[in-house]
PDB file of N, CA and C in Angstrom:
ATOM      1  N   UNK A   1      -2.871 -11.294   8.098  1.00  0.00           N
ATOM      2  CA  UNK A   1      -2.230  -9.735   8.050  1.00  0.00           C
ATOM      3  C   UNK A   1      -1.074  -8.982   7.798  1.00  0.00           C
ATOM      4  N   UNK A   2      -0.870  -7.959   7.045  1.00  0.00           N
ATOM      5  CA  UNK A   2       0.301  -7.256   6.834  1.00  0.00           C
ATOM      6  C   UNK A   2       0.282  -5.947   6.839  1.00  0.00           C
ATOM      7  N   UNK A   3       0.460  -5.275   7.922  1.00  0.00           N
ATOM      8  CA  UNK A   3       0.706  -4.020   8.693  1.00  0.00           C
ATOM      9  C   UNK A   3       1.596  -2.778   7.920  1.00  0.00           C
ATOM     10  N   UNK A   4       1.547  -1.818   7.433  1.00  0.00           N
ATOM     11  CA  UNK A   4       2.764  -1.517   7.101  1.00  0.00           C
ATOM     12  C   UNK A   4       1.934   0.336   7.276  1.00  0.00           C
ATOM     13  N   UNK A   5       3.026   1.113   7.315  1.00  0.00           N
ATOM     14  CA  UNK A   5       2.728   2.686   6.923  1.00  0.00           C
ATOM     15  C   UNK A   5       2.000   3.102   5.504  1.00  0.00           C
ATOM     16  N   UNK A   6       0.515   3.045   5.858  1.00  0.00           N
ATOM     17  CA  UNK A   6       0.021   3.821   4.765  1.00  0.00           C
ATOM     18  C   UNK A   6      -0.588   2.491   4.138  1.00  0.00           C
ATOM     19  N   UNK A   7      -0.361   1.335   4.364  1.00  0.00           N
ATOM     20  CA  UNK A   7      -1.288   0.367   4.052  1.00  0.00           C
ATOM     21  C   UNK A   7      -0.370  -0.255   2.414  1.00  0.00           C
ATOM     22  N   UNK A   8       0.212  -0.116   2.148  1.00  0.00           N
ATOM     23  CA  UNK A   8       0.654   0.327   0.767  1.00  0.00           C
ATOM     24  C   UNK A   8       1.218  -0.932  -0.108  1.00  0.00           C
ATOM     25  N   UNK A   9       0.757  -1.200  -0.791  1.00  0.00           N
ATOM     26  CA  UNK A   9       1.172  -2.804  -1.163  1.00  0.00           C
ATOM     27  C   UNK A   9       2.319  -3.109  -1.607  1.00  0.00           C
ATOM     28  N   UNK A  10       2.923  -1.978  -2.338  1.00  0.00           N
ATOM     29  CA  UNK A  10       4.712  -2.137  -2.602  1.00  0.00           C
ATOM     30  C   UNK A  10       5.238  -2.628  -1.635  1.00  0.00           C
ATOM     31  N   UNK A  11       5.495  -2.113  -0.199  1.00  0.00           N
ATOM     32  CA  UNK A  11       5.677  -2.308   1.045  1.00  0.00           C
ATOM     33  C   UNK A  11       5.561  -3.929   1.500  1.00  0.00           C
ATOM     34  N   UNK A  12       4.252  -4.444   0.859  1.00  0.00           N
ATOM     35  CA  UNK A  12       3.830  -5.423   1.740  1.00  0.00           C
ATOM     36  C   UNK A  12       4.232  -6.457   0.354  1.00  0.00           C
ATOM     37  N   UNK A  13       4.384  -6.495  -0.712  1.00  0.00           N
ATOM     38  CA  UNK A  13       4.555  -7.298  -1.755  1.00  0.00           C
ATOM     39  C   UNK A  13       5.960  -8.440  -1.267  1.00  0.00           C
ATOM     40  N   UNK A  14       7.000  -8.224  -0.295  1.00  0.00           N
ATOM     41  CA  UNK A  14       8.140  -8.899  -0.001  1.00  0.00           C
ATOM     42  C   UNK A  14       7.002 -10.385   0.945  1.00  0.00           C
ATOM     43  N   UNK A  15       6.112  -9.785   2.115  1.00  0.00           N
ATOM     44  CA  UNK A  15       6.038 -10.871   2.518  1.00  0.00           C
ATOM     45  C   UNK A  15       4.554 -11.618   1.880  1.00  0.00           C
ATOM     46  N   UNK A  16       3.566 -10.632   0.853  1.00  0.00           N
ATOM     47  CA  UNK A  16       2.787 -11.488   0.358  1.00  0.00           C
ATOM     48  C   UNK A  16       3.647 -12.405  -0.841  1.00  0.00           C
ATOM     49  N   UNK A  17       4.825 -12.119  -1.318  1.00  0.00           N
ATOM     50  CA  UNK A  17       5.218 -13.302  -2.320  1.00  0.00           C
ATOM     51  C   UNK A  17       5.434 -14.315  -1.238  1.00  0.00           C
ATOM     52  N   UNK A  18       6.480 -14.016  -0.081  1.00  0.00           N
ATOM     53  CA  UNK A  18       6.902 -15.012   0.689  1.00  0.00           C
ATOM     54  C   UNK A  18       5.538 -16.455   0.883  1.00  0.00           C
ATOM     55  N   UNK A  19       4.430 -15.734   1.436  1.00  0.00           N
ATOM     56  CA  UNK A  19       3.182 -16.477   1.453  1.00  0.00           C
ATOM     57  C   UNK A  19       2.671 -16.958   0.372  1.00  0.00           C
ATOM     58  N   UNK A  20       2.992 -17.313  -0.455  1.00  0.00           N
ATOM     59  CA  UNK A  20       2.591 -17.494  -1.443  1.00  0.00           C
ATOM     60  C   UNK A  20       3.515 -18.772  -2.081  1.00  0.00           C
ATOM     61  N   UNK A  21       4.784 -18.902  -1.726  1.00  0.00           N
ATOM     62  CA  UNK A  21       5.431 -20.190  -1.811  1.00  0.00           C
ATOM     63  C   UNK A  21       5.038 -20.875  -0.104  1.00  0.00           C
ATOM     64  N   UNK A  22       4.498 -20.375   0.826  1.00  0.00           N
ATOM     65  CA  UNK A  22       4.114 -21.646   1.727  1.00  0.00           C
ATOM     66  C   UNK A  22       2.871 -22.000   2.095  1.00  0.00           C
ATOM     67  N   UNK A  23       1.554 -21.417   1.149  1.00  0.00           N
ATOM     68  CA  UNK A  23       0.812 -21.606   1.403  1.00  0.00           C
ATOM     69  C   UNK A  23      -0.084 -20.812   0.517  1.00  0.00           C
ATOM     70  N   UNK A  24      -0.760 -21.064  -0.242  1.00  0.00           N
ATOM     71  CA  UNK A  24      -1.684 -20.157  -1.316  1.00  0.00           C
ATOM     72  C   UNK A  24      -3.065 -19.197  -0.913  1.00  0.00           C
ATOM     73  N   UNK A  25      -2.564 -17.827  -0.159  1.00  0.00           N
ATOM     74  CA  UNK A  25      -3.464 -17.092   0.453  1.00  0.00           C
ATOM     75  C   UNK A  25      -4.755 -17.140  -1.264  1.00  0.00           C
ATOM     76  N   UNK A  26      -6.017 -17.515  -0.743  1.00  0.00           N
ATOM     77  CA  UNK A  26      -6.943 -17.752  -1.923  1.00  0.00           C
ATOM     78  C   UNK A  26      -7.171 -15.774  -2.162  1.00  0.00           C
ATOM     79  N   UNK A  27      -7.301 -15.005  -1.135  1.00  0.00           N
ATOM     80  CA  UNK A  27      -7.528 -13.897  -1.347  1.00  0.00           C
ATOM     81  C   UNK A  27      -6.971 -13.149  -0.647  1.00  0.00           C
ATOM     82  N   UNK A  28      -6.629 -12.169  -1.235  1.00  0.00           N
ATOM     83  CA  UNK A  28      -5.670 -10.835  -0.572  1.00  0.00           C
ATOM     84  C   UNK A  28      -6.624  -9.384  -0.799  1.00  0.00           C
ATOM     85  N   UNK A  29      -6.219  -8.996   0.366  1.00  0.00           N
ATOM     86  CA  UNK A  29      -7.513  -7.424   0.953  1.00  0.00           C
ATOM     87  C   UNK A  29      -6.268  -6.527   1.074  1.00  0.00           C
ATOM     88  N   UNK A  30      -6.644  -5.672   0.091  1.00  0.00           N
ATOM     89  CA  UNK A  30      -5.911  -3.965   0.270  1.00  0.00           C
ATOM     90  C   UNK A  30      -6.880  -3.451   1.197  1.00  0.00           C
ATOM     91  N   UNK A  31      -7.152  -3.092   2.044  1.00  0.00           N
ATOM     92  CA  UNK A  31      -7.427  -2.130   2.997  1.00  0.00           C
ATOM     93  C   UNK A  31      -7.273  -0.971   3.706  1.00  0.00           C
ATOM     94  N   UNK A  32      -7.672   0.471   3.435  1.00  0.00           N
ATOM     95  CA  UNK A  32      -6.936   1.712   3.758  1.00  0.00           C
ATOM     96  C   UNK A  32      -7.830   1.829   4.302  1.00  0.00           C
ATOM     97  N   UNK A  33      -8.054   3.359   5.105  1.00  0.00           N
ATOM     98  CA  UNK A  33      -8.548   3.718   6.096  1.00  0.00           C
ATOM     99  C   UNK A  33      -8.514   5.310   6.055  1.00  0.00           C
ATOM    100  N   UNK A  34     -10.017   5.546   6.526  1.00  0.00           N
ATOM    101  CA  UNK A  34     -10.080   7.267   6.248  1.00  0.00           C
ATOM    102  C   UNK A  34      -9.122   7.699   7.669  1.00  0.00           C
ATOM    103  N   UNK A  35      -9.078   9.078   7.292  1.00  0.00           N
ATOM    104  CA  UNK A  35      -7.857   9.797   8.135  1.00  0.00           C
ATOM    105  C   UNK A  35      -6.454   9.359   8.265  1.00  0.00           C
ATOM    106  N   UNK A  36      -5.984   8.682   7.702  1.00  0.00           N
ATOM    107  CA  UNK A  36      -5.025   7.823   7.862  1.00  0.00           C
ATOM    108  C   UNK A  36      -3.525   8.911   7.567  1.00  0.00           C
ATOM    109  N   UNK A  37      -2.684   8.482   8.634  1.00  0.00           N
ATOM    110  CA  UNK A  37      -1.462   9.512   8.650  1.00  0.00           C
ATOM    111  C   UNK A  37      -0.717   9.880   7.224  1.00  0.00           C
ATOM    112  N   UNK A  38      -0.737   8.529   6.418  1.00  0.00           N
ATOM    113  CA  UNK A  38       0.077   9.298   5.244  1.00  0.00           C
ATOM    114  C   UNK A  38      -0.936   9.886   4.423  1.00  0.00           C
ATOM    115  N   UNK A  39      -1.981  10.812   4.715  1.00  0.00           N
ATOM    116  CA  UNK A  39      -2.438  11.250   3.917  1.00  0.00           C
ATOM    117  C   UNK A  39      -2.031  12.840   4.451  1.00  0.00           C
ATOM    118  N   UNK A  40      -1.565  12.692   5.432  1.00  0.00           N
ATOM    119  CA  UNK A  40      -0.711  14.236   6.019  1.00  0.00           C
ATOM    120  C   UNK A  40       0.435  14.644   6.047  1.00  0.00           C
ATOM    121  N   UNK A  41       1.418  13.475   4.951  1.00  0.00           N
ATOM    122  CA  UNK A  41       2.736  13.492   5.330  1.00  0.00           C
ATOM    123  C   UNK A  41       2.600  12.923   3.831  1.00  0.00           C
ATOM    124  N   UNK A  42       4.247  13.744   3.426  1.00  0.00           N
ATOM    125  CA  UNK A  42       4.476  13.662   1.999  1.00  0.00           C
ATOM    126  C   UNK A  42       6.083  13.070   1.954  1.00  0.00           C
ATOM    127  N   UNK A  43       6.146  12.164   0.807  1.00  0.00           N
ATOM    128  CA  UNK A  43       7.226  11.344   0.786  1.00  0.00           C
ATOM    129  C   UNK A  43       8.716  12.524   1.023  1.00  0.00           C
ATOM    130  N   UNK A  44       8.567  13.654   0.319  1.00  0.00           N
ATOM    131  CA  UNK A  44       9.432  14.661   0.273  1.00  0.00           C
ATOM    132  C   UNK A  44       9.903  14.993   1.833  1.00  0.00           C
ATOM    133  N   UNK A  45       8.934  15.060   2.502  1.00  0.00           N
ATOM    134  CA  UNK A  45       8.861  15.961   4.099  1.00  0.00           C
ATOM    135  C   UNK A  45       9.652  14.366   4.879  1.00  0.00           C
ATOM    136  N   UNK A  46       8.850  13.294   4.700  1.00  0.00           N
ATOM    137  CA  UNK A  46       9.474  12.551   5.048  1.00  0.00           C
ATOM    138  C   UNK A  46      10.993  12.215   4.694  1.00  0.00           C
ATOM    139  N   UNK A  47      11.390  12.116   3.390  1.00  0.00           N
ATOM    140  CA  UNK A  47      12.866  11.973   3.492  1.00  0.00           C
ATOM    141  C   UNK A  47      13.775  13.065   3.760  1.00  0.00           C
ATOM    142  N   UNK A  48      13.512  13.974   3.619  1.00  0.00           N
ATOM    143  CA  UNK A  48      14.317  14.618   4.593  1.00  0.00           C
ATOM    144  C   UNK A  48      14.432  15.341   5.760  1.00  0.00           C
ATOM    145  N   UNK A  49      13.167  14.407   6.786  1.00  0.00           N
ATOM    146  CA  UNK A  49      13.748  14.099   7.999  1.00  0.00           C
ATOM    147  C   UNK A  49      14.227  12.832   8.227  1.00  0.00           C
ATOM    148  N   UNK A  50      14.390  12.422   7.577  1.00  0.00           N
ATOM    149  CA  UNK A  50      15.403  10.531   7.585  1.00  0.00           C
ATOM    150  C   UNK A  50      17.334  11.092   7.067  1.00  0.00           C
ATOM    151  N   UNK A  51      16.919  11.853   6.794  1.00  0.00           N
ATOM    152  CA  UNK A  51      18.377  11.967   6.064  1.00  0.00           C
ATOM    153  C   UNK A  51      18.910  12.938   7.220  1.00  0.00           C
ATOM    154  N   UNK A  52      18.033  14.066   7.611  1.00  0.00           N
ATOM    155  CA  UNK A  52      18.863  14.027   8.915  1.00  0.00           C
ATOM    156  C   UNK A  52      19.002  13.493  10.079  1.00  0.00           C
ATOM    157  N   UNK A  53      18.320  12.603  10.001  1.00  0.00           N
ATOM    158  CA  UNK A  53      18.420  11.524  11.059  1.00  0.00           C
ATOM    159  C   UNK A  53      20.427  10.780  10.664  1.00  0.00           C
ATOM    160  N   UNK A  54      19.933  10.648   9.434  1.00  0.00           N
ATOM    161  CA  UNK A  54      20.802   9.238   9.035  1.00  0.00           C
ATOM    162  C   UNK A  54      21.490   9.714   7.357  1.00  0.00           C
ATOM    163  N   UNK A  55      21.894  11.082   7.688  1.00  0.00           N
ATOM    164  CA  UNK A  55      22.855  11.692   5.994  1.00  0.00           C
ATOM    165  C   UNK A  55      23.260  10.143   5.451  1.00  0.00           C
ATOM    166  N   UNK A  56      24.188  10.066   6.459  1.00  0.00           N
ATOM    167  CA  UNK A  56      25.005   9.175   5.047  1.00  0.00           C
ATOM    168  C   UNK A  56      24.073   7.894   4.905  1.00  0.00           C
ATOM    169  N   UNK A  57      22.835   7.904   4.896  1.00  0.00           N
ATOM    170  CA  UNK A  57      22.184   7.087   4.022  1.00  0.00           C
ATOM    171  C   UNK A  57      20.930   7.882   2.663  1.00  0.00           C
ATOM    172  N   UNK A  58      21.455   8.786   2.740  1.00  0.00           N
ATOM    173  CA  UNK A  58      20.357   9.674   1.738  1.00  0.00           C
ATOM    174  C   UNK A  58      20.181   9.083   0.339  1.00  0.00           C
ATOM    175  N   UNK A  59      21.758   8.688  -0.508  1.00  0.00           N
ATOM    176  CA  UNK A  59      21.196   8.285  -1.567  1.00  0.00           C
ATOM    177  C   UNK A  59      19.747   7.186  -1.309  1.00  0.00           C
ATOM    178  N   UNK A  60      19.980   5.967  -0.180  1.00  0.00           N
ATOM    179  CA  UNK A  60      19.306   5.144  -0.152  1.00  0.00           C
ATOM    180  C   UNK A  60      17.820   5.764   0.289  1.00  0.00           C
ATOM    181  N   UNK A  61      18.222   6.286   1.314  1.00  0.00           N
ATOM    182  CA  UNK A  61      16.629   7.270   1.255  1.00  0.00           C
ATOM    183  C   UNK A  61      15.972   8.166   0.221  1.00  0.00           C
ATOM    184  N   UNK A  62      16.379   8.797  -0.461  1.00  0.00           N
ATOM    185  CA  UNK A  62      16.204   9.925  -1.595  1.00  0.00           C
ATOM    186  C   UNK A  62      15.142   8.180  -2.764  1.00  0.00           C
ATOM    187  N   UNK A  63      15.792   7.613  -2.822  1.00  0.00           N
ATOM    188  CA  UNK A  63      15.521   6.248  -3.943  1.00  0.00           C
ATOM    189  C   UNK A  63      14.172   5.779  -3.311  1.00  0.00           C
ATOM    190  N   UNK A  64      14.383   5.861  -2.391  1.00  0.00           N
ATOM    191  CA  UNK A  64      12.815   5.367  -1.400  1.00  0.00           C
ATOM    192  C   UNK A  64      11.651   5.688  -1.435  1.00  0.00           C
ATOM    193  N   UNK A  65      10.294   4.919  -1.381  1.00  0.00           N
ATOM    194  CA  UNK A  65       8.882   5.499  -1.202  1.00  0.00           C
ATOM    195  C   UNK A  65       8.670   5.109  -0.121  1.00  0.00           C
ATOM    196  N   UNK A  66       7.817   5.951   0.793  1.00  0.00           N
ATOM    197  CA  UNK A  66       7.379   5.721   1.840  1.00  0.00           C
ATOM    198  C   UNK A  66       5.584   6.089   1.804  1.00  0.00           C
ATOM    199  N   UNK A  67       4.892   5.872   0.304  1.00  0.00           N
ATOM    200  CA  UNK A  67       3.312   5.647   0.826  1.00  0.00           C
ATOM    201  C   UNK A  67       2.921   6.358   0.768  1.00  0.00           C
ATOM    202  N   UNK A  68       2.808   7.997   0.456  1.00  0.00           N
ATOM    203  CA  UNK A  68       2.543   8.805   0.776  1.00  0.00           C
ATOM    204  C   UNK A  68       0.915   8.290   0.005  1.00  0.00           C
ATOM    205  N   UNK A  69       0.028   9.009   0.419  1.00  0.00           N
ATOM    206  CA  UNK A  69      -1.264   9.369  -0.319  1.00  0.00           C
ATOM    207  C   UNK A  69      -1.887  10.286  -0.786  1.00  0.00           C
ATOM    208  N   UNK A  70      -1.615  10.555  -1.968  1.00  0.00           N
ATOM    209  CA  UNK A  70      -1.997  12.122  -2.841  1.00  0.00           C
ATOM    210  C   UNK A  70      -3.028  11.727  -3.304  1.00  0.00           C
ATOM    211  N   UNK A  71      -3.961  11.489  -3.564  1.00  0.00           N
ATOM    212  CA  UNK A  71      -5.164  11.585  -4.115  1.00  0.00           C
ATOM    213  C   UNK A  71      -6.260  11.223  -2.735  1.00  0.00           C
ATOM    214  N   UNK A  72      -7.080  10.764  -3.325  1.00  0.00           N
ATOM    215  CA  UNK A  72      -8.409   9.845  -2.445  1.00  0.00           C
ATOM    216  C   UNK A  72      -7.329   8.518  -1.768  1.00  0.00           C
ATOM    217  N   UNK A  73      -8.223   7.911  -0.606  1.00  0.00           N
ATOM    218  CA  UNK A  73      -8.040   6.585  -0.158  1.00  0.00           C
ATOM    219  C   UNK A  73      -8.722   5.376  -1.145  1.00  0.00           C
ATOM    220  N   UNK A  74      -9.874   6.138  -1.752  1.00  0.00           N
ATOM    221  CA  UNK A  74     -10.171   5.001  -2.693  1.00  0.00           C
ATOM    222  C   UNK A  74      -9.028   4.454  -3.816  1.00  0.00           C
ATOM    223  N   UNK A  75      -8.027   5.785  -4.462  1.00  0.00           N
ATOM    224  CA  UNK A  75      -7.434   5.962  -5.426  1.00  0.00           C
ATOM    225  C   UNK A  75      -6.188   5.091  -5.080  1.00  0.00           C
ATOM    226  N   UNK A  76      -5.752   5.341  -4.063  1.00  0.00           N
ATOM    227  CA  UNK A  76      -4.726   4.935  -2.951  1.00  0.00           C
ATOM    228  C   UNK A  76      -4.994   3.255  -3.293  1.00  0.00           C
ATOM    229  N   UNK A  77      -6.101   2.525  -2.584  1.00  0.00           N
ATOM    230  CA  UNK A  77      -6.158   1.306  -2.512  1.00  0.00           C
ATOM    231  C   UNK A  77      -6.770   0.792  -4.302  1.00  0.00           C
ATOM    232  N   UNK A  78      -6.875   1.574  -5.173  1.00  0.00           N
ATOM    233  CA  UNK A  78      -6.840   1.023  -6.870  1.00  0.00           C
ATOM    234  C   UNK A  78      -5.885   1.218  -7.100  1.00  0.00           C
ATOM    235  N   UNK A  79      -5.286   1.863  -7.015  1.00  0.00           N
ATOM    236  CA  UNK A  79      -3.748   1.709  -7.080  1.00  0.00           C
ATOM    237  C   UNK A  79      -2.978   0.944  -6.335  1.00  0.00           C
ATOM    238  N   UNK A  80      -3.070   0.063  -5.227  1.00  0.00           N
ATOM    239  CA  UNK A  80      -2.438  -0.980  -4.805  1.00  0.00           C
ATOM    240  C   UNK A  80      -2.725  -2.157  -4.944  1.00  0.00           C
ATOM    241  N   UNK A  81      -4.474  -2.362  -5.583  1.00  0.00           N
ATOM    242  CA  UNK A  81      -4.830  -3.477  -6.079  1.00  0.00           C
ATOM    243  C   UNK A  81      -4.450  -4.068  -7.664  1.00  0.00           C
ATOM    244  N   UNK A  82      -3.855  -2.915  -8.481  1.00  0.00           N
ATOM    245  CA  UNK A  82      -3.410  -2.867  -9.811  1.00  0.00           C
ATOM    246  C   UNK A  82      -2.141  -3.358  -9.354  1.00  0.00           C
ATOM    247  N   UNK A  83      -1.282  -2.926  -8.753  1.00  0.00           N
ATOM    248  CA  UNK A  83      -0.020  -3.010  -8.627  1.00  0.00           C
ATOM    249  C   UNK A  83      -0.015  -4.581  -8.021  1.00  0.00           C
ATOM    250  N   UNK A  84      -0.437  -5.228  -7.057  1.00  0.00           N
ATOM    251  CA  UNK A  84      -0.244  -6.367  -7.201  1.00  0.00           C
ATOM    252  C   UNK A  84      -0.678  -7.612  -7.890  1.00  0.00           C
ATOM    253  N   UNK A  85      -2.533  -7.406  -8.612  1.00  0.00           N
ATOM    254  CA  UNK A  85      -2.504  -7.751 -10.185  1.00  0.00           C
ATOM    255  C   UNK A  85      -1.623  -7.497 -10.950  1.00  0.00           C
ATOM    256  N   UNK A  86      -0.829  -6.961 -10.991  1.00  0.00           N
ATOM    257  CA  UNK A  86       0.690  -6.692 -12.141  1.00  0.00           C
ATOM    258  C   UNK A  86       2.026  -7.924 -11.199  1.00  0.00           C
ATOM    259  N   UNK A  87       1.686  -7.947 -10.074  1.00  0.00           N
ATOM    260  CA  UNK A  87       3.482  -8.765  -9.389  1.00  0.00           C
ATOM    261  C   UNK A  87       3.085  -9.845 -10.258  1.00  0.00           C
ATOM    262  N   UNK A  88       4.284  -9.964 -10.908  1.00  0.00           N
ATOM    263  CA  UNK A  88       4.449 -11.413 -10.863  1.00  0.00           C
ATOM    264  C   UNK A  88       4.799 -12.260  -9.509  1.00  0.00           C
ATOM    265  N   UNK A  89       5.161 -11.635  -9.008  1.00  0.00           N
ATOM    266  CA  UNK A  89       5.409 -12.497  -7.827  1.00  0.00           C
ATOM    267  C   UNK A  89       3.914 -12.820  -6.751  1.00  0.00           C
ATOM    268  N   UNK A  90       2.939 -12.662  -7.692  1.00  0.00           N
ATOM    269  CA  UNK A  90       1.595 -12.765  -6.853  1.00  0.00           C
ATOM    270  C   UNK A  90       0.563 -13.640  -7.916  1.00  0.00           C
ATOM    271  N   UNK A  91       0.444 -15.097  -7.199  1.00  0.00           N
ATOM    272  CA  UNK A  91      -0.208 -16.034  -8.186  1.00  0.00           C
ATOM    273  C   UNK A  91      -1.273 -15.710  -9.002  1.00  0.00           C
ATOM    274  N   UNK A  92      -1.539 -15.877 -10.483  1.00  0.00           N
ATOM    275  CA  UNK A  92      -2.393 -15.412 -11.019  1.00  0.00           C
ATOM    276  C   UNK A  92      -3.923 -16.037 -10.702  1.00  0.00           C
ATOM    277  N   UNK A  93      -4.212 -16.967  -9.759  1.00  0.00           N
ATOM    278  CA  UNK A  93      -5.257 -17.355  -9.204  1.00  0.00           C
ATOM    279  C   UNK A  93      -5.671 -16.653  -8.093  1.00  0.00           C
ATOM    280  N   UNK A  94      -4.576 -15.620  -7.461  1.00  0.00           N
ATOM    281  CA  UNK A  94      -5.133 -15.076  -6.045  1.00  0.00           C
ATOM    282  C   UNK A  94      -6.411 -13.699  -6.416  1.00  0.00           C
ATOM    283  N   UNK A  95      -6.832 -13.766  -5.853  1.00  0.00           N
ATOM    284  CA  UNK A  95      -8.375 -12.846  -5.863  1.00  0.00           C
ATOM    285  C   UNK A  95      -8.084 -11.608  -4.878  1.00  0.00           C
ATOM    286  N   UNK A  96      -7.827 -10.717  -5.258  1.00  0.00           N
ATOM    287  CA  UNK A  96      -7.165  -9.353  -4.811  1.00  0.00           C
ATOM    288  C   UNK A  96      -8.317  -8.012  -4.963  1.00  0.00           C
ATOM    289  N   UNK A  97      -9.101  -7.926  -3.692  1.00  0.00           N
ATOM    290  CA  UNK A  97      -9.962  -7.147  -3.622  1.00  0.00           C
ATOM    291  C   UNK A  97      -9.357  -6.012  -2.637  1.00  0.00           C
ATOM    292  N   UNK A  98     -10.201  -4.556  -3.179  1.00  0.00           N
ATOM    293  CA  UNK A  98      -9.942  -3.665  -2.409  1.00  0.00           C
ATOM    294  C   UNK A  98     -10.979  -2.572  -1.441  1.00  0.00           C
ATOM    295  N   UNK A  99     -10.766  -2.659  -0.308  1.00  0.00           N
ATOM    296  CA  UNK A  99     -11.904  -1.987   0.722  1.00  0.00           C
ATOM    297  C   UNK A  99     -11.415  -0.800   1.295  1.00  0.00           C
ATOM    298  N   UNK A 100     -12.273   0.009   2.004  1.00  0.00           N
ATOM    299  CA  UNK A 100     -12.008   1.452   2.081  1.00  0.00           C
ATOM    300  C   UNK A 100     -12.747   1.705   3.826  1.00  0.00           C
ATOM    301  N   UNK A 101     -12.289   1.559   4.495  1.00  0.00           N
ATOM    302  CA  UNK A 101     -12.884   1.370   6.093  1.00  0.00           C
ATOM    303  C   UNK A 101     -13.101   3.206   6.622  1.00  0.00           C
ATOM    304  N   UNK A 102     -13.903   3.243   7.202  1.00  0.00           N
ATOM    305  CA  UNK A 102     -14.267   4.488   7.282  1.00  0.00           C
ATOM    306  C   UNK A 102     -14.272   4.574   9.401  1.00  0.00           C
ATOM    307  N   UNK A 103     -13.372   4.851   9.476  1.00  0.00           N
ATOM    308  CA  UNK A 103     -12.892   4.889  11.069  1.00  0.00           C
ATOM    309  C   UNK A 103     -13.989   5.598  11.480  1.00  0.00           C
ATOM    310  N   UNK A 104     -14.679   6.347  11.076  1.00  0.00           N
ATOM    311  CA  UNK A 104     -15.791   7.362  12.170  1.00  0.00           C
ATOM    312  C   UNK A 104     -16.871   6.092  11.936  1.00  0.00           C
ATOM    313  N   UNK A 105     -17.430   5.644  11.539  1.00  0.00           N
ATOM    314  CA  UNK A 105     -18.647   5.159  11.197  1.00  0.00           C
ATOM    315  C   UNK A 105     -18.817   3.415  11.675  1.00  0.00           C
ATOM    316  N   UNK A 106     -17.522   3.162  11.079  1.00  0.00           N
ATOM    317  CA  UNK A 106     -17.027   1.383  11.333  1.00  0.00           C
ATOM    318  C   UNK A 106     -17.434   1.072  10.186  1.00  0.00           C
ATOM    319  N   UNK A 107     -17.821   1.238   8.630  1.00  0.00           N
ATOM    320  CA  UNK A 107     -18.428   0.780   7.570  1.00  0.00           C
ATOM    321  C   UNK A 107     -17.030   0.761   6.707  1.00  0.00           C
ATOM    322  N   UNK A 108     -17.598  -0.976   6.133  1.00  0.00           N
ATOM    323  CA  UNK A 108     -16.367  -0.968   4.997  1.00  0.00           C
ATOM    324  C   UNK A 108     -16.804  -1.233   3.382  1.00  0.00           C
ATOM    325  N   UNK A 109     -16.521  -0.672   2.394  1.00  0.00           N
ATOM    326  CA  UNK A 109     -17.087  -0.312   1.639  1.00  0.00           C
ATOM    327  C   UNK A 109     -16.249  -0.445   0.309  1.00  0.00           C
ATOM    328  N   UNK A 110     -16.459  -1.729  -0.625  1.00  0.00           N
ATOM    329  CA  UNK A 110     -15.423  -2.015  -1.188  1.00  0.00           C
ATOM    330  C   UNK A 110     -15.304  -1.438  -2.393  1.00  0.00           C
ATOM    331  N   UNK A 111     -13.923  -1.327  -3.101  1.00  0.00           N
ATOM    332  CA  UNK A 111     -13.475  -0.191  -3.597  1.00  0.00           C
ATOM    333  C   UNK A 111     -13.785  -0.889  -5.249  1.00  0.00           C
ATOM    334  N   UNK A 112     -14.268  -0.525  -6.299  1.00  0.00           N
ATOM    335  CA  UNK A 112     -14.552  -0.700  -7.915  1.00  0.00           C
ATOM    336  C   UNK A 112     -12.901  -0.616  -8.533  1.00  0.00           C
ATOM    337  N   UNK A 113     -12.237  -1.748  -8.388  1.00  0.00           N
ATOM    338  CA  UNK A 113     -10.992  -1.666  -9.010  1.00  0.00           C
ATOM    339  C   UNK A 113     -10.468  -0.626 -10.597  1.00  0.00           C
ATOM    340  N   UNK A 114     -11.996  -0.874 -11.468  1.00  0.00           N
ATOM    341  CA  UNK A 114     -11.802  -1.226 -12.743  1.00  0.00           C
ATOM    342  C   UNK A 114     -11.552   0.141 -13.375  1.00  0.00           C
ATOM    343  N   UNK A 115     -11.512   1.049 -12.276  1.00  0.00           N
ATOM    344  CA  UNK A 115     -10.980   2.716 -12.759  1.00  0.00           C
ATOM    345  C   UNK A 115      -9.408   2.665 -11.828  1.00  0.00           C
ATOM    346  N   UNK A 116      -8.478   1.881 -12.319  1.00  0.00           N
ATOM    347  CA  UNK A 116      -7.222   2.198 -12.292  1.00  0.00           C
ATOM    348  C   UNK A 116      -6.599   2.786 -12.953  1.00  0.00           C
ATOM    349  N   UNK A 117      -5.531   3.920 -11.794  1.00  0.00           N
ATOM    350  CA  UNK A 117      -5.052   4.727 -12.136  1.00  0.00           C
ATOM    351  C   UNK A 117      -3.273   3.808 -12.893  1.00  0.00           C
ATOM    352  N   UNK A 118      -3.313   3.027 -12.812  1.00  0.00           N
ATOM    353  CA  UNK A 118      -1.879   2.305 -12.543  1.00  0.00           C
ATOM    354  C   UNK A 118      -1.888   1.759 -14.379  1.00  0.00           C
TER     355      UNK A 118
END
């Protein structure tokens, strides 16, 4: 399990690619949950706050993505599944699926990635 803010795949690719070299995970599950904190924050706000904390790192901070979820949880899952499927660091035979977790009900719903925005 790789956890990060927003559950975004671009942040997890480094770890997943290392795992591809030491063992072949047959399946990668991208799971985001309802009421995720990253649906309430925007990259621009995070960047502004971080520049105040570390002004000498402004150029690095400005070039970074922090995983805001702009639309729906389902759309962010589709984006991340597509990103992983397109990554040359993930083996072609790795199954990648997306799930949405409803924190209110505990329900898991598979997200169809055929409508991917990427």
